Amino acid sequence: MSKFRGSIGINRGTVETDSPGVFEREIEEVEVTGEIRNIGARWQNAEQRDTISARHVLSIVTPEDSIINFTEVVYIVWQSTKFSVTSIEYKRPRIELALGGLYNG
């Protein structure tokens, strides 16, 4: 397993922008450390456009006060790229986050 040091994006709710009636997600980035298990990559064809899905699992240990609700993790910044989180498994004291395709939020 390779070591990981980076950030994860946590959804903290929605906030109204300067335009009335327009809302957007408020994302907080939290620095974490952990390990990455390499499962491989998978190419998928979505709407005539080839995309890649990372299929790696990030296992992190986080302080209880830094993530109140771990189900709100939406992306992981890995190798300067934001990847979406496709599944979350809580194995105390670790949280295992499965990476998917690129995050478009």
PDB file of N, CA and C in Angstrom:
ATOM      1  N   MET A   1       0.836  -1.185   0.000  1.00  0.00           N
ATOM      2  CA  MET A   1       0.000   0.000   0.000  1.00  0.00           C
ATOM      3  C   MET A   1       0.878   1.243   0.000  1.00  0.00           C
ATOM      4  N   SER A   2       0.449   2.220  -0.749  1.00  0.00           N
ATOM      5  CA  SER A   2       1.186   3.471  -0.777  1.00  0.00           C
ATOM      6  C   SER A   2       0.552   4.478   0.176  1.00  0.00           C
ATOM      7  N   LYS A   3       1.367   5.374   0.679  1.00  0.00           N
ATOM      8  CA  LYS A   3       0.919   6.389   1.634  1.00  0.00           C
ATOM      9  C   LYS A   3       0.211   7.520   0.906  1.00  0.00           C
ATOM     10  N   PHE A   4      -0.715   8.149   1.608  1.00  0.00           N
ATOM     11  CA  PHE A   4      -1.493   9.255   1.051  1.00  0.00           C
ATOM     12  C   PHE A   4      -1.478  10.409   2.035  1.00  0.00           C
ATOM     13  N   ARG A   5      -1.249  11.593   1.524  1.00  0.00           N
ATOM     14  CA  ARG A   5      -1.391  12.816   2.304  1.00  0.00           C
ATOM     15  C   ARG A   5      -2.025  13.837   1.379  1.00  0.00           C
ATOM     16  N   GLY A   6      -3.206  14.256   1.732  1.00  0.00           N
ATOM     17  CA  GLY A   6      -3.932  15.185   0.872  1.00  0.00           C
ATOM     18  C   GLY A   6      -5.178  15.678   1.555  1.00  0.00           C
ATOM     19  N   SER A   7      -6.185  16.017   0.778  1.00  0.00           N
ATOM     20  CA  SER A   7      -7.405  16.558   1.359  1.00  0.00           C
ATOM     21  C   SER A   7      -8.629  15.863   0.796  1.00  0.00           C
ATOM     22  N   ILE A   8      -9.692  15.937   1.585  1.00  0.00           N
ATOM     23  CA  ILE A   8     -10.988  15.421   1.162  1.00  0.00           C
ATOM     24  C   ILE A   8     -11.987  16.565   1.258  1.00  0.00           C
ATOM     25  N   GLY A   9     -12.965  16.561   0.377  1.00  0.00           N
ATOM     26  CA  GLY A   9     -13.990  17.599   0.368  1.00  0.00           C
ATOM     27  C   GLY A   9     -15.243  17.107   1.069  1.00  0.00           C
ATOM     28  N   ILE A  10     -15.711  17.889   2.032  1.00  0.00           N
ATOM     29  CA  ILE A  10     -16.876  17.517   2.824  1.00  0.00           C
ATOM     30  C   ILE A  10     -17.996  18.514   2.577  1.00  0.00           C
ATOM     31  N   ASN A  11     -19.173  18.003   2.249  1.00  0.00           N
ATOM     32  CA  ASN A  11     -20.351  18.841   2.011  1.00  0.00           C
ATOM     33  C   ASN A  11     -20.873  19.349   3.343  1.00  0.00           C
ATOM     34  N   ARG A  12     -20.868  20.659   3.528  1.00  0.00           N
ATOM     35  CA  ARG A  12     -21.356  21.274   4.765  1.00  0.00           C
ATOM     36  C   ARG A  12     -22.725  21.914   4.595  1.00  0.00           C
ATOM     37  N   GLY A  13     -23.412  21.561   3.511  1.00  0.00           N
ATOM     38  CA  GLY A  13     -24.757  22.105   3.285  1.00  0.00           C
ATOM     39  C   GLY A  13     -24.769  23.045   2.101  1.00  0.00           C
ATOM     40  N   THR A  14     -25.888  23.731   1.922  1.00  0.00           N
ATOM     41  CA  THR A  14     -26.013  24.672   0.822  1.00  0.00           C
ATOM     42  C   THR A  14     -26.141  26.085   1.365  1.00  0.00           C
ATOM     43  N   VAL A  15     -25.620  27.034   0.588  1.00  0.00           N
ATOM     44  CA  VAL A  15     -25.709  28.446   0.954  1.00  0.00           C
ATOM     45  C   VAL A  15     -26.234  29.217  -0.244  1.00  0.00           C
ATOM     46  N   GLU A  16     -26.939  30.306   0.039  1.00  0.00           N
ATOM     47  CA  GLU A  16     -27.477  31.141  -1.031  1.00  0.00           C
ATOM     48  C   GLU A  16     -26.369  32.057  -1.545  1.00  0.00           C
ATOM     49  N   THR A  17     -26.244  32.162  -2.862  1.00  0.00           N
ATOM     50  CA  THR A  17     -25.226  33.017  -3.465  1.00  0.00           C
ATOM     51  C   THR A  17     -25.712  34.465  -3.472  1.00  0.00           C
ATOM     52  N   ASP A  18     -24.942  35.334  -4.126  1.00  0.00           N
ATOM     53  CA  ASP A  18     -25.329  36.743  -4.224  1.00  0.00           C
ATOM     54  C   ASP A  18     -26.606  36.925  -5.033  1.00  0.00           C
ATOM     55  N   SER A  19     -26.880  35.973  -5.935  1.00  0.00           N
ATOM     56  CA  SER A  19     -28.112  36.021  -6.716  1.00  0.00           C
ATOM     57  C   SER A  19     -29.239  35.394  -5.891  1.00  0.00           C
ATOM     58  N   PRO A  20     -30.329  36.101  -5.662  1.00  0.00           N
ATOM     59  CA  PRO A  20     -31.422  35.552  -4.858  1.00  0.00           C
ATOM     60  C   PRO A  20     -31.998  34.273  -5.476  1.00  0.00           C
ATOM     61  N   GLY A  21     -32.218  33.279  -4.655  1.00  0.00           N
ATOM     62  CA  GLY A  21     -32.812  32.029  -5.106  1.00  0.00           C
ATOM     63  C   GLY A  21     -31.836  31.046  -5.718  1.00  0.00           C
ATOM     64  N   VAL A  22     -30.547  31.396  -5.782  1.00  0.00           N
ATOM     65  CA  VAL A  22     -29.530  30.508  -6.336  1.00  0.00           C
ATOM     66  C   VAL A  22     -28.694  29.963  -5.183  1.00  0.00           C
ATOM     67  N   PHE A  23     -28.657  28.636  -5.092  1.00  0.00           N
ATOM     68  CA  PHE A  23     -27.932  27.988  -4.001  1.00  0.00           C
ATOM     69  C   PHE A  23     -26.795  27.145  -4.552  1.00  0.00           C
ATOM     70  N   GLU A  24     -25.740  27.029  -3.778  1.00  0.00           N
ATOM     71  CA  GLU A  24     -24.638  26.156  -4.152  1.00  0.00           C
ATOM     72  C   GLU A  24     -24.093  25.459  -2.902  1.00  0.00           C
ATOM     73  N   ARG A  25     -23.406  24.341  -3.145  1.00  0.00           N
ATOM     74  CA  ARG A  25     -22.837  23.571  -2.035  1.00  0.00           C
ATOM     75  C   ARG A  25     -21.709  24.336  -1.360  1.00  0.00           C
ATOM     76  N   GLU A  26     -21.643  24.199  -0.059  1.00  0.00           N
ATOM     77  CA  GLU A  26     -20.504  24.724   0.685  1.00  0.00           C
ATOM     78  C   GLU A  26     -19.612  23.529   1.016  1.00  0.00           C
ATOM     79  N   ILE A  27     -18.426  23.476   0.404  1.00  0.00           N
ATOM     80  CA  ILE A  27     -17.510  22.359   0.564  1.00  0.00           C
ATOM     81  C   ILE A  27     -16.329  22.811   1.429  1.00  0.00           C
ATOM     82  N   GLU A  28     -16.026  22.026   2.458  1.00  0.00           N
ATOM     83  CA  GLU A  28     -14.863  22.278   3.308  1.00  0.00           C
ATOM     84  C   GLU A  28     -13.822  21.203   3.020  1.00  0.00           C
ATOM     85  N   GLU A  29     -12.579  21.622   2.779  1.00  0.00           N
ATOM     86  CA  GLU A  29     -11.511  20.657   2.550  1.00  0.00           C
ATOM     87  C   GLU A  29     -10.767  20.404   3.856  1.00  0.00           C
ATOM     88  N   VAL A  30     -10.582  19.128   4.182  1.00  0.00           N
ATOM     89  CA  VAL A  30      -9.911  18.712   5.410  1.00  0.00           C
ATOM     90  C   VAL A  30      -8.674  17.910   5.028  1.00  0.00           C
ATOM     91  N   GLU A  31      -7.526  18.252   5.621  1.00  0.00           N
ATOM     92  CA  GLU A  31      -6.283  17.526   5.368  1.00  0.00           C
ATOM     93  C   GLU A  31      -6.310  16.200   6.124  1.00  0.00           C
ATOM     94  N   VAL A  32      -5.950  15.119   5.422  1.00  0.00           N
ATOM     95  CA  VAL A  32      -5.934  13.787   6.023  1.00  0.00           C
ATOM     96  C   VAL A  32      -4.688  13.033   5.565  1.00  0.00           C
ATOM     97  N   THR A  33      -4.367  11.976   6.288  1.00  0.00           N
ATOM     98  CA  THR A  33      -3.319  11.053   5.885  1.00  0.00           C
ATOM     99  C   THR A  33      -3.897   9.651   5.907  1.00  0.00           C
ATOM    100  N   GLY A  34      -3.305   8.781   5.128  1.00  0.00           N
ATOM    101  CA  GLY A  34      -3.800   7.414   5.091  1.00  0.00           C
ATOM    102  C   GLY A  34      -3.021   6.568   4.120  1.00  0.00           C
ATOM    103  N   GLU A  35      -3.659   5.511   3.643  1.00  0.00           N
ATOM    104  CA  GLU A  35      -3.052   4.583   2.707  1.00  0.00           C
ATOM    105  C   GLU A  35      -3.992   4.377   1.520  1.00  0.00           C
ATOM    106  N   ILE A  36      -3.394   4.152   0.355  1.00  0.00           N
ATOM    107  CA  ILE A  36      -4.182   3.880  -0.847  1.00  0.00           C
ATOM    108  C   ILE A  36      -3.919   2.452  -1.280  1.00  0.00           C
ATOM    109  N   ARG A  37      -5.013   1.709  -1.442  1.00  0.00           N
ATOM    110  CA  ARG A  37      -4.914   0.362  -1.993  1.00  0.00           C
ATOM    111  C   ARG A  37      -5.221   0.446  -3.479  1.00  0.00           C
ATOM    112  N   ASN A  38      -4.313  -0.051  -4.281  1.00  0.00           N
ATOM    113  CA  ASN A  38      -4.483  -0.016  -5.734  1.00  0.00           C
ATOM    114  C   ASN A  38      -5.307  -1.208  -6.181  1.00  0.00           C
ATOM    115  N   ILE A  39      -6.455  -0.927  -6.732  1.00  0.00           N
ATOM    116  CA  ILE A  39      -7.307  -1.990  -7.249  1.00  0.00           C
ATOM    117  C   ILE A  39      -7.227  -2.012  -8.767  1.00  0.00           C
ATOM    118  N   GLY A  40      -6.889  -0.902  -9.363  1.00  0.00           N
ATOM    119  CA  GLY A  40      -6.790  -0.822 -10.811  1.00  0.00           C
ATOM    120  C   GLY A  40      -7.650   0.292 -11.354  1.00  0.00           C
ATOM    121  N   ALA A  41      -7.632   0.432 -12.652  1.00  0.00           N
ATOM    122  CA  ALA A  41      -8.443   1.455 -13.313  1.00  0.00           C
ATOM    123  C   ALA A  41      -9.360   0.788 -14.314  1.00  0.00           C
ATOM    124  N   ARG A  42     -10.446   1.463 -14.612  1.00  0.00           N
ATOM    125  CA  ARG A  42     -11.415   0.906 -15.547  1.00  0.00           C
ATOM    126  C   ARG A  42     -11.852   2.009 -16.500  1.00  0.00           C
ATOM    127  N   TRP A  43     -11.798   1.710 -17.776  1.00  0.00           N
ATOM    128  CA  TRP A  43     -12.302   2.650 -18.775  1.00  0.00           C
ATOM    129  C   TRP A  43     -13.786   2.397 -18.958  1.00  0.00           C
ATOM    130  N   GLN A  44     -14.531   3.463 -19.084  1.00  0.00           N
ATOM    131  CA  GLN A  44     -15.960   3.320 -19.330  1.00  0.00           C
ATOM    132  C   GLN A  44     -16.366   4.321 -20.402  1.00  0.00           C
ATOM    133  N   ASN A  45     -17.335   3.952 -21.202  1.00  0.00           N
ATOM    134  CA  ASN A  45     -17.802   4.796 -22.284  1.00  0.00           C
ATOM    135  C   ASN A  45     -19.142   5.378 -21.879  1.00  0.00           C
ATOM    136  N   ALA A  46     -19.159   6.673 -21.609  1.00  0.00           N
ATOM    137  CA  ALA A  46     -20.387   7.344 -21.201  1.00  0.00           C
ATOM    138  C   ALA A  46     -20.721   8.427 -22.215  1.00  0.00           C
ATOM    139  N   GLU A  47     -21.842   8.272 -22.891  1.00  0.00           N
ATOM    140  CA  GLU A  47     -22.325   9.243 -23.868  1.00  0.00           C
ATOM    141  C   GLU A  47     -21.271   9.545 -24.933  1.00  0.00           C
ATOM    142  N   GLN A  48     -20.703   8.501 -25.515  1.00  0.00           N
ATOM    143  CA  GLN A  48     -19.722   8.611 -26.591  1.00  0.00           C
ATOM    144  C   GLN A  48     -18.441   9.319 -26.146  1.00  0.00           C
ATOM    145  N   ARG A  49     -18.168   9.345 -24.861  1.00  0.00           N
ATOM    146  CA  ARG A  49     -16.953   9.981 -24.366  1.00  0.00           C
ATOM    147  C   ARG A  49     -16.265   9.012 -23.426  1.00  0.00           C
ATOM    148  N   ASP A  50     -15.047   8.679 -23.704  1.00  0.00           N
ATOM    149  CA  ASP A  50     -14.332   7.760 -22.835  1.00  0.00           C
ATOM    150  C   ASP A  50     -13.898   8.479 -21.567  1.00  0.00           C
ATOM    151  N   THR A  51     -14.162   7.852 -20.428  1.00  0.00           N
ATOM    152  CA  THR A  51     -13.725   8.379 -19.143  1.00  0.00           C
ATOM    153  C   THR A  51     -13.034   7.255 -18.390  1.00  0.00           C
ATOM    154  N   ILE A  52     -12.293   7.625 -17.379  1.00  0.00           N
ATOM    155  CA  ILE A  52     -11.612   6.618 -16.580  1.00  0.00           C
ATOM    156  C   ILE A  52     -12.131   6.688 -15.156  1.00  0.00           C
ATOM    157  N   SER A  53     -12.283   5.538 -14.549  1.00  0.00           N
ATOM    158  CA  SER A  53     -12.712   5.423 -13.167  1.00  0.00           C
ATOM    159  C   SER A  53     -11.542   4.845 -12.385  1.00  0.00           C
ATOM    160  N   ALA A  54     -11.117   5.508 -11.313  1.00  0.00           N
ATOM    161  CA  ALA A  54      -9.882   5.158 -10.616  1.00  0.00           C
ATOM    162  C   ALA A  54      -9.944   3.805  -9.914  1.00  0.00           C
ATOM    163  N   ARG A  55     -11.038   3.485  -9.241  1.00  0.00           N
ATOM    164  CA  ARG A  55     -11.214   2.221  -8.532  1.00  0.00           C
ATOM    165  C   ARG A  55     -10.132   1.945  -7.491  1.00  0.00           C
ATOM    166  N   HIS A  56      -9.671   2.972  -6.794  1.00  0.00           N
ATOM    167  CA  HIS A  56      -8.737   2.823  -5.692  1.00  0.00           C
ATOM    168  C   HIS A  56      -9.524   3.013  -4.392  1.00  0.00           C
ATOM    169  N   VAL A  57      -8.985   2.505  -3.301  1.00  0.00           N
ATOM    170  CA  VAL A  57      -9.620   2.685  -2.002  1.00  0.00           C
ATOM    171  C   VAL A  57      -8.649   3.430  -1.097  1.00  0.00           C
ATOM    172  N   LEU A  58      -9.106   4.516  -0.509  1.00  0.00           N
ATOM    173  CA  LEU A  58      -8.316   5.312   0.413  1.00  0.00           C
ATOM    174  C   LEU A  58      -8.767   4.994   1.827  1.00  0.00           C
ATOM    175  N   SER A  59      -7.845   4.561   2.658  1.00  0.00           N
ATOM    176  CA  SER A  59      -8.143   4.243   4.052  1.00  0.00           C
ATOM    177  C   SER A  59      -7.511   5.312   4.927  1.00  0.00           C
ATOM    178  N   ILE A  60      -8.339   6.081   5.648  1.00  0.00           N
ATOM    179  CA  ILE A  60      -7.829   7.196   6.451  1.00  0.00           C
ATOM    180  C   ILE A  60      -8.251   7.050   7.906  1.00  0.00           C
ATOM    181  N   VAL A  61      -7.429   7.629   8.769  1.00  0.00           N
ATOM    182  CA  VAL A  61      -7.769   7.744  10.182  1.00  0.00           C
ATOM    183  C   VAL A  61      -8.011   9.220  10.430  1.00  0.00           C
ATOM    184  N   THR A  62      -9.178   9.553  10.938  1.00  0.00           N
ATOM    185  CA  THR A  62      -9.499  10.961  11.154  1.00  0.00           C
ATOM    186  C   THR A  62      -9.881  11.200  12.608  1.00  0.00           C
ATOM    187  N   PRO A  63      -9.529  12.359  13.122  1.00  0.00           N
ATOM    188  CA  PRO A  63      -9.998  12.713  14.464  1.00  0.00           C
ATOM    189  C   PRO A  63     -11.515  12.844  14.455  1.00  0.00           C
ATOM    190  N   GLU A  64     -12.147  12.422  15.520  1.00  0.00           N
ATOM    191  CA  GLU A  64     -13.615  12.444  15.593  1.00  0.00           C
ATOM    192  C   GLU A  64     -14.196  13.844  15.402  1.00  0.00           C
ATOM    193  N   ASP A  65     -13.474  14.879  15.824  1.00  0.00           N
ATOM    194  CA  ASP A  65     -14.036  16.224  15.735  1.00  0.00           C
ATOM    195  C   ASP A  65     -13.886  16.842  14.339  1.00  0.00           C
ATOM    196  N   SER A  66     -13.045  16.273  13.465  1.00  0.00           N
ATOM    197  CA  SER A  66     -12.842  16.896  12.163  1.00  0.00           C
ATOM    198  C   SER A  66     -13.927  16.519  11.152  1.00  0.00           C
ATOM    199  N   ILE A  67     -14.476  15.332  11.274  1.00  0.00           N
ATOM    200  CA  ILE A  67     -15.562  14.931  10.379  1.00  0.00           C
ATOM    201  C   ILE A  67     -16.752  14.536  11.244  1.00  0.00           C
ATOM    202  N   ILE A  68     -17.759  15.380  11.267  1.00  0.00           N
ATOM    203  CA  ILE A  68     -18.934  15.100  12.084  1.00  0.00           C
ATOM    204  C   ILE A  68     -19.764  13.995  11.451  1.00  0.00           C
ATOM    205  N   ASN A  69     -19.978  14.073  10.155  1.00  0.00           N
ATOM    206  CA  ASN A  69     -20.766  13.076   9.453  1.00  0.00           C
ATOM    207  C   ASN A  69     -19.965  12.610   8.240  1.00  0.00           C
ATOM    208  N   PHE A  70     -19.312  11.457   8.362  1.00  0.00           N
ATOM    209  CA  PHE A  70     -18.430  10.998   7.295  1.00  0.00           C
ATOM    210  C   PHE A  70     -19.165  10.666   6.010  1.00  0.00           C
ATOM    211  N   THR A  71     -20.479  10.538   6.056  1.00  0.00           N
ATOM    212  CA  THR A  71     -21.228  10.250   4.824  1.00  0.00           C
ATOM    213  C   THR A  71     -21.318  11.466   3.902  1.00  0.00           C
ATOM    214  N   GLU A  72     -20.873  12.610   4.352  1.00  0.00           N
ATOM    215  CA  GLU A  72     -20.917  13.830   3.543  1.00  0.00           C
ATOM    216  C   GLU A  72     -19.639  14.061   2.748  1.00  0.00           C
ATOM    217  N   VAL A  73     -18.704  13.101   2.727  1.00  0.00           N
ATOM    218  CA  VAL A  73     -17.489  13.236   1.928  1.00  0.00           C
ATOM    219  C   VAL A  73     -17.868  13.096   0.456  1.00  0.00           C
ATOM    220  N   VAL A  74     -17.514  14.090  -0.366  1.00  0.00           N
ATOM    221  CA  VAL A  74     -17.921  14.075  -1.768  1.00  0.00           C
ATOM    222  C   VAL A  74     -16.761  13.864  -2.735  1.00  0.00           C
ATOM    223  N   TYR A  75     -15.542  14.273  -2.349  1.00  0.00           N
ATOM    224  CA  TYR A  75     -14.410  14.055  -3.245  1.00  0.00           C
ATOM    225  C   TYR A  75     -13.111  13.926  -2.469  1.00  0.00           C
ATOM    226  N   ILE A  76     -12.096  13.411  -3.180  1.00  0.00           N
ATOM    227  CA  ILE A  76     -10.746  13.270  -2.651  1.00  0.00           C
ATOM    228  C   ILE A  76      -9.811  13.955  -3.642  1.00  0.00           C
ATOM    229  N   VAL A  77      -8.894  14.782  -3.130  1.00  0.00           N
ATOM    230  CA  VAL A  77      -7.887  15.394  -3.987  1.00  0.00           C
ATOM    231  C   VAL A  77      -6.675  14.473  -3.975  1.00  0.00           C
ATOM    232  N   TRP A  78      -6.417  13.843  -5.119  1.00  0.00           N
ATOM    233  CA  TRP A  78      -5.316  12.888  -5.242  1.00  0.00           C
ATOM    234  C   TRP A  78      -4.552  13.185  -6.512  1.00  0.00           C
ATOM    235  N   GLN A  79      -3.266  13.394  -6.407  1.00  0.00           N
ATOM    236  CA  GLN A  79      -2.400  13.755  -7.528  1.00  0.00           C
ATOM    237  C   GLN A  79      -2.928  14.995  -8.245  1.00  0.00           C
ATOM    238  N   SER A  80      -3.292  15.995  -7.474  1.00  0.00           N
ATOM    239  CA  SER A  80      -3.780  17.301  -7.953  1.00  0.00           C
ATOM    240  C   SER A  80      -5.079  17.208  -8.750  1.00  0.00           C
ATOM    241  N   THR A  81      -5.828  16.125  -8.580  1.00  0.00           N
ATOM    242  CA  THR A  81      -7.094  15.940  -9.280  1.00  0.00           C
ATOM    243  C   THR A  81      -8.173  15.549  -8.281  1.00  0.00           C
ATOM    244  N   LYS A  82      -9.363  16.086  -8.459  1.00  0.00           N
ATOM    245  CA  LYS A  82     -10.480  15.739  -7.583  1.00  0.00           C
ATOM    246  C   LYS A  82     -11.209  14.522  -8.144  1.00  0.00           C
ATOM    247  N   PHE A  83     -11.280  13.458  -7.336  1.00  0.00           N
ATOM    248  CA  PHE A  83     -11.996  12.244  -7.700  1.00  0.00           C
ATOM    249  C   PHE A  83     -13.227  12.118  -6.815  1.00  0.00           C
ATOM    250  N   SER A  84     -14.344  11.707  -7.399  1.00  0.00           N
ATOM    251  CA  SER A  84     -15.566  11.532  -6.619  1.00  0.00           C
ATOM    252  C   SER A  84     -15.458  10.286  -5.757  1.00  0.00           C
ATOM    253  N   VAL A  85     -16.202  10.282  -4.666  1.00  0.00           N
ATOM    254  CA  VAL A  85     -16.252   9.136  -3.758  1.00  0.00           C
ATOM    255  C   VAL A  85     -17.481   8.327  -4.117  1.00  0.00           C
ATOM    256  N   THR A  86     -17.282   7.027  -4.407  1.00  0.00           N
ATOM    257  CA  THR A  86     -18.408   6.191  -4.826  1.00  0.00           C
ATOM    258  C   THR A  86     -18.987   5.376  -3.686  1.00  0.00           C
ATOM    259  N   SER A  87     -18.174   5.065  -2.676  1.00  0.00           N
ATOM    260  CA  SER A  87     -18.713   4.358  -1.513  1.00  0.00           C
ATOM    261  C   SER A  87     -17.852   4.655  -0.291  1.00  0.00           C
ATOM    262  N   ILE A  88     -18.475   4.531   0.872  1.00  0.00           N
ATOM    263  CA  ILE A  88     -17.815   4.816   2.139  1.00  0.00           C
ATOM    264  C   ILE A  88     -18.083   3.655   3.087  1.00  0.00           C
ATOM    265  N   GLU A  89     -17.028   3.177   3.721  1.00  0.00           N
ATOM    266  CA  GLU A  89     -17.178   2.110   4.698  1.00  0.00           C
ATOM    267  C   GLU A  89     -16.467   2.529   5.972  1.00  0.00           C
ATOM    268  N   TYR A  90     -17.176   2.453   7.067  1.00  0.00           N
ATOM    269  CA  TYR A  90     -16.634   2.880   8.355  1.00  0.00           C
ATOM    270  C   TYR A  90     -16.148   1.659   9.118  1.00  0.00           C
ATOM    271  N   LYS A  91     -14.833   1.560   9.271  1.00  0.00           N
ATOM    272  CA  LYS A  91     -14.205   0.479  10.024  1.00  0.00           C
ATOM    273  C   LYS A  91     -13.380   1.129  11.125  1.00  0.00           C
ATOM    274  N   ARG A  92     -14.035   1.426  12.206  1.00  0.00           N
ATOM    275  CA  ARG A  92     -13.417   2.179  13.287  1.00  0.00           C
ATOM    276  C   ARG A  92     -12.041   1.656  13.632  1.00  0.00           C
ATOM    277  N   PRO A  93     -11.021   2.454  13.718  1.00  0.00           N
ATOM    278  CA  PRO A  93     -10.969   3.917  13.669  1.00  0.00           C
ATOM    279  C   PRO A  93     -10.735   4.470  12.267  1.00  0.00           C
ATOM    280  N   ARG A  94     -10.882   3.647  11.240  1.00  0.00           N
ATOM    281  CA  ARG A  94     -10.621   4.076   9.872  1.00  0.00           C
ATOM    282  C   ARG A  94     -11.909   4.268   9.079  1.00  0.00           C
ATOM    283  N   ILE A  95     -11.790   5.090   8.057  1.00  0.00           N
ATOM    284  CA  ILE A  95     -12.856   5.258   7.079  1.00  0.00           C
ATOM    285  C   ILE A  95     -12.259   4.882   5.731  1.00  0.00           C
ATOM    286  N   GLU A  96     -12.914   3.981   5.005  1.00  0.00           N
ATOM    287  CA  GLU A  96     -12.443   3.575   3.692  1.00  0.00           C
ATOM    288  C   GLU A  96     -13.329   4.213   2.630  1.00  0.00           C
ATOM    289  N   LEU A  97     -12.690   4.982   1.753  1.00  0.00           N
ATOM    290  CA  LEU A  97     -13.386   5.726   0.710  1.00  0.00           C
ATOM    291  C   LEU A  97     -12.975   5.162  -0.651  1.00  0.00           C
ATOM    292  N   ALA A  98     -13.941   4.726  -1.438  1.00  0.00           N
ATOM    293  CA  ALA A  98     -13.661   4.217  -2.781  1.00  0.00           C
ATOM    294  C   ALA A  98     -13.745   5.356  -3.785  1.00  0.00           C
ATOM    295  N   LEU A  99     -12.716   5.480  -4.613  1.00  0.00           N
ATOM    296  CA  LEU A  99     -12.656   6.534  -5.626  1.00  0.00           C
ATOM    297  C   LEU A  99     -13.368   6.087  -6.890  1.00  0.00           C
ATOM    298  N   GLY A 100     -13.974   7.044  -7.553  1.00  0.00           N
ATOM    299  CA  GLY A 100     -14.637   6.775  -8.824  1.00  0.00           C
ATOM    300  C   GLY A 100     -14.017   7.631  -9.914  1.00  0.00           C
ATOM    301  N   GLY A 101     -14.865   8.246 -10.710  1.00  0.00           N
ATOM    302  CA  GLY A 101     -14.397   9.106 -11.785  1.00  0.00           C
ATOM    303  C   GLY A 101     -14.047  10.496 -11.290  1.00  0.00           C
ATOM    304  N   LEU A 102     -13.811  11.398 -12.217  1.00  0.00           N
ATOM    305  CA  LEU A 102     -13.465  12.773 -11.870  1.00  0.00           C
ATOM    306  C   LEU A 102     -14.661  13.481 -11.250  1.00  0.00           C
ATOM    307  N   TYR A 103     -14.396  14.326 -10.276  1.00  0.00           N
ATOM    308  CA  TYR A 103     -15.443  15.090  -9.593  1.00  0.00           C
ATOM    309  C   TYR A 103     -15.790  16.320 -10.425  1.00  0.00           C
ATOM    310  N   ASN A 104     -17.072  16.517 -10.689  1.00  0.00           N
ATOM    311  CA  ASN A 104     -17.514  17.643 -11.509  1.00  0.00           C
ATOM    312  C   ASN A 104     -18.397  18.613 -10.745  1.00  0.00           C
ATOM    313  N   GLY A 105     -18.156  18.798  -9.492  1.00  0.00           N
ATOM    314  CA  GLY A 105     -19.032  19.640  -8.692  1.00  0.00           C
ATOM    315  C   GLY A 105     -18.509  20.983  -8.526  1.00  0.00           C
TER     316      GLY A 105
END
